[in-house]
Amino acid sequence: MDRIAVEGENLDAALRAAREQLGVQGDHEFGYEFDREHFRRGASTVRIYAWPKKSDVVGAARDGMDFV
């Protein structure tokens, strides 16, 4: 899956939309970056580009979280 663009009222809403569209449970399972042009145009919402992380990275993150 390639990058997706999602938008929300704030960062939490945008991250929640990204999780839903990517079909993942936690924020550690995907990467994201802000759409800076969206802000420059004077938008009052947050728009991010998100993509799923590779499964080996996600597995290591889960193992670390279980350990803690």
N, C-alpha and C. Protein backbone atom coordinates (compact mmCIF):
# COMPACT_ATOMS: atom_id res chain seq x y z
N MET A 1 0.85 -1.17 0.00
CA MET A 1 0.00 0.00 0.00
C MET A 1 0.89 1.24 0.00
N ASP A 2 0.54 2.19 -0.79
CA ASP A 2 1.28 3.44 -0.85
C ASP A 2 0.78 4.39 0.22
N ARG A 3 1.25 5.61 0.13
CA ARG A 3 0.81 6.64 1.06
C ARG A 3 -0.65 7.01 0.81
N ILE A 4 -1.32 7.35 1.90
CA ILE A 4 -2.69 7.86 1.80
C ILE A 4 -2.69 9.26 2.40
N ALA A 5 -3.62 10.08 1.99
CA ALA A 5 -3.80 11.41 2.55
C ALA A 5 -5.08 11.41 3.37
N VAL A 6 -4.99 11.87 4.61
CA VAL A 6 -6.16 11.97 5.48
C VAL A 6 -6.19 13.33 6.14
N GLU A 7 -7.37 13.75 6.51
CA GLU A 7 -7.56 15.08 7.09
C GLU A 7 -8.44 14.97 8.33
N GLY A 8 -8.20 15.82 9.30
CA GLY A 8 -9.00 15.84 10.51
C GLY A 8 -9.03 17.22 11.14
N GLU A 9 -9.92 17.39 12.10
CA GLU A 9 -10.03 18.68 12.81
C GLU A 9 -8.74 19.03 13.53
N ASN A 10 -8.04 17.99 14.01
CA ASN A 10 -6.77 18.16 14.71
C ASN A 10 -5.92 16.93 14.43
N LEU A 11 -4.72 16.89 14.99
CA LEU A 11 -3.82 15.78 14.71
C LEU A 11 -4.40 14.45 15.18
N ASP A 12 -5.02 14.43 16.35
CA ASP A 12 -5.61 13.18 16.85
C ASP A 12 -6.65 12.63 15.89
N ALA A 13 -7.49 13.50 15.36
CA ALA A 13 -8.53 13.06 14.42
C ALA A 13 -7.90 12.55 13.12
N ALA A 14 -6.86 13.21 12.65
CA ALA A 14 -6.19 12.76 11.43
C ALA A 14 -5.50 11.41 11.65
N LEU A 15 -4.87 11.23 12.80
CA LEU A 15 -4.23 9.94 13.11
C LEU A 15 -5.26 8.83 13.23
N ARG A 16 -6.40 9.13 13.84
CA ARG A 16 -7.47 8.14 13.97
C ARG A 16 -7.97 7.72 12.59
N ALA A 17 -8.15 8.69 11.69
CA ALA A 17 -8.59 8.38 10.33
C ALA A 17 -7.55 7.56 9.59
N ALA A 18 -6.28 7.85 9.81
CA ALA A 18 -5.21 7.07 9.17
C ALA A 18 -5.22 5.63 9.67
N ARG A 19 -5.38 5.44 10.99
CA ARG A 19 -5.45 4.07 11.54
C ARG A 19 -6.60 3.30 10.90
N GLU A 20 -7.75 3.93 10.79
CA GLU A 20 -8.92 3.26 10.22
C GLU A 20 -8.69 2.88 8.76
N GLN A 21 -8.17 3.82 7.97
CA GLN A 21 -7.98 3.56 6.55
C GLN A 21 -6.87 2.54 6.29
N LEU A 22 -5.84 2.54 7.13
CA LEU A 22 -4.74 1.60 6.95
C LEU A 22 -5.04 0.25 7.59
N GLY A 23 -6.05 0.19 8.44
CA GLY A 23 -6.41 -1.06 9.09
C GLY A 23 -5.42 -1.49 10.15
N VAL A 24 -4.86 -0.52 10.89
CA VAL A 24 -3.91 -0.82 11.96
C VAL A 24 -4.50 -0.35 13.28
N GLN A 25 -3.89 -0.84 14.39
CA GLN A 25 -4.45 -0.52 15.69
C GLN A 25 -3.73 0.61 16.41
N GLY A 26 -2.42 0.71 16.23
CA GLY A 26 -1.66 1.70 16.98
C GLY A 26 -0.89 2.65 16.09
N ASP A 27 -0.55 3.81 16.65
CA ASP A 27 0.20 4.81 15.91
C ASP A 27 1.60 4.32 15.54
N HIS A 28 2.14 3.35 16.30
CA HIS A 28 3.46 2.82 16.02
C HIS A 28 3.48 1.92 14.77
N GLU A 29 2.31 1.60 14.22
CA GLU A 29 2.23 0.71 13.07
C GLU A 29 2.25 1.44 11.73
N PHE A 30 2.32 2.77 11.77
CA PHE A 30 2.39 3.52 10.52
C PHE A 30 3.22 4.78 10.72
N GLY A 31 3.74 5.28 9.62
CA GLY A 31 4.46 6.53 9.63
C GLY A 31 3.59 7.61 9.03
N TYR A 32 3.92 8.86 9.34
CA TYR A 32 3.15 9.96 8.75
C TYR A 32 4.00 11.22 8.68
N GLU A 33 3.57 12.12 7.84
CA GLU A 33 4.18 13.44 7.76
C GLU A 33 3.08 14.45 7.45
N PHE A 34 3.29 15.67 7.87
CA PHE A 34 2.31 16.73 7.64
C PHE A 34 2.33 17.20 6.20
N ASP A 35 1.19 17.58 5.69
CA ASP A 35 1.08 18.23 4.38
C ASP A 35 1.24 19.72 4.63
N ARG A 36 2.45 20.21 4.51
CA ARG A 36 2.75 21.61 4.83
C ARG A 36 2.04 22.59 3.90
N GLU A 37 1.85 22.20 2.66
CA GLU A 37 1.15 23.08 1.71
C GLU A 37 -0.28 23.32 2.16
N HIS A 38 -0.87 22.34 2.80
CA HIS A 38 -2.25 22.46 3.32
C HIS A 38 -2.33 23.63 4.30
N PHE A 39 -1.33 23.76 5.18
CA PHE A 39 -1.31 24.85 6.15
C PHE A 39 -1.04 26.19 5.46
N ARG A 40 -0.16 26.17 4.48
CA ARG A 40 0.19 27.43 3.80
C ARG A 40 -1.00 28.03 3.07
N ARG A 41 -1.94 27.20 2.69
CA ARG A 41 -3.13 27.69 2.01
C ARG A 41 -4.16 28.21 3.01
N GLY A 42 -3.82 28.19 4.29
CA GLY A 42 -4.71 28.75 5.30
C GLY A 42 -5.77 27.79 5.83
N ALA A 43 -5.56 26.51 5.70
CA ALA A 43 -6.54 25.53 6.16
C ALA A 43 -6.64 25.53 7.68
N SER A 44 -7.81 25.22 8.18
CA SER A 44 -8.02 25.14 9.62
C SER A 44 -8.05 23.69 10.10
N THR A 45 -7.73 22.77 9.22
CA THR A 45 -7.68 21.35 9.56
C THR A 45 -6.24 20.85 9.42
N VAL A 46 -6.01 19.63 9.88
CA VAL A 46 -4.71 19.00 9.76
C VAL A 46 -4.80 17.93 8.68
N ARG A 47 -3.87 17.96 7.74
CA ARG A 47 -3.81 16.94 6.70
C ARG A 47 -2.45 16.27 6.78
N ILE A 48 -2.47 14.92 6.80
CA ILE A 48 -1.24 14.16 6.86
C ILE A 48 -1.21 13.13 5.74
N TYR A 49 0.00 12.72 5.40
CA TYR A 49 0.22 11.58 4.53
C TYR A 49 0.67 10.44 5.43
N ALA A 50 0.06 9.28 5.29
CA ALA A 50 0.38 8.14 6.15
C ALA A 50 0.66 6.91 5.31
N TRP A 51 1.47 6.02 5.86
CA TRP A 51 1.82 4.77 5.17
C TRP A 51 2.08 3.71 6.23
N PRO A 52 1.79 2.45 5.92
CA PRO A 52 2.03 1.37 6.89
C PRO A 52 3.53 1.09 6.99
N LYS A 53 3.97 0.76 8.19
CA LYS A 53 5.36 0.36 8.39
C LYS A 53 5.51 -1.10 8.02
N LYS A 54 6.70 -1.50 7.74
CA LYS A 54 6.97 -2.90 7.41
C LYS A 54 6.66 -3.77 8.61
N SER A 55 6.23 -4.99 8.37
CA SER A 55 5.77 -5.87 9.45
C SER A 55 6.88 -6.19 10.45
N ASP A 56 8.14 -6.28 10.03
CA ASP A 56 9.21 -6.58 10.99
C ASP A 56 9.43 -5.42 11.95
N VAL A 57 9.24 -4.20 11.50
CA VAL A 57 9.37 -3.03 12.37
C VAL A 57 8.23 -3.00 13.37
N VAL A 58 7.03 -3.31 12.89
CA VAL A 58 5.85 -3.33 13.77
C VAL A 58 6.01 -4.42 14.82
N GLY A 59 6.48 -5.58 14.43
CA GLY A 59 6.69 -6.68 15.37
C GLY A 59 7.68 -6.32 16.46
N ALA A 60 8.76 -5.66 16.09
CA ALA A 60 9.76 -5.23 17.08
C ALA A 60 9.16 -4.19 18.03
N ALA A 61 8.36 -3.29 17.50
CA ALA A 61 7.73 -2.28 18.35
C ALA A 61 6.76 -2.93 19.33
N ARG A 62 5.99 -3.89 18.86
CA ARG A 62 5.05 -4.59 19.77
C ARG A 62 5.80 -5.34 20.85
N ASP A 63 6.91 -6.02 20.46
CA ASP A 63 7.70 -6.75 21.46
C ASP A 63 8.24 -5.80 22.51
N GLY A 64 8.70 -4.63 22.09
CA GLY A 64 9.22 -3.64 23.05
C GLY A 64 8.14 -3.14 23.97
N MET A 65 6.95 -2.91 23.44
CA MET A 65 5.85 -2.43 24.27
C MET A 65 5.41 -3.50 25.26
N ASP A 66 5.40 -4.76 24.81
CA ASP A 66 5.05 -5.86 25.73
C ASP A 66 6.06 -5.98 26.87
N PHE A 67 7.33 -5.76 26.55
CA PHE A 67 8.38 -5.83 27.56
C PHE A 67 8.20 -4.77 28.63
N VAL A 68 7.85 -3.57 28.21
CA VAL A 68 7.66 -2.45 29.15
C VAL A 68 6.41 -2.70 29.95
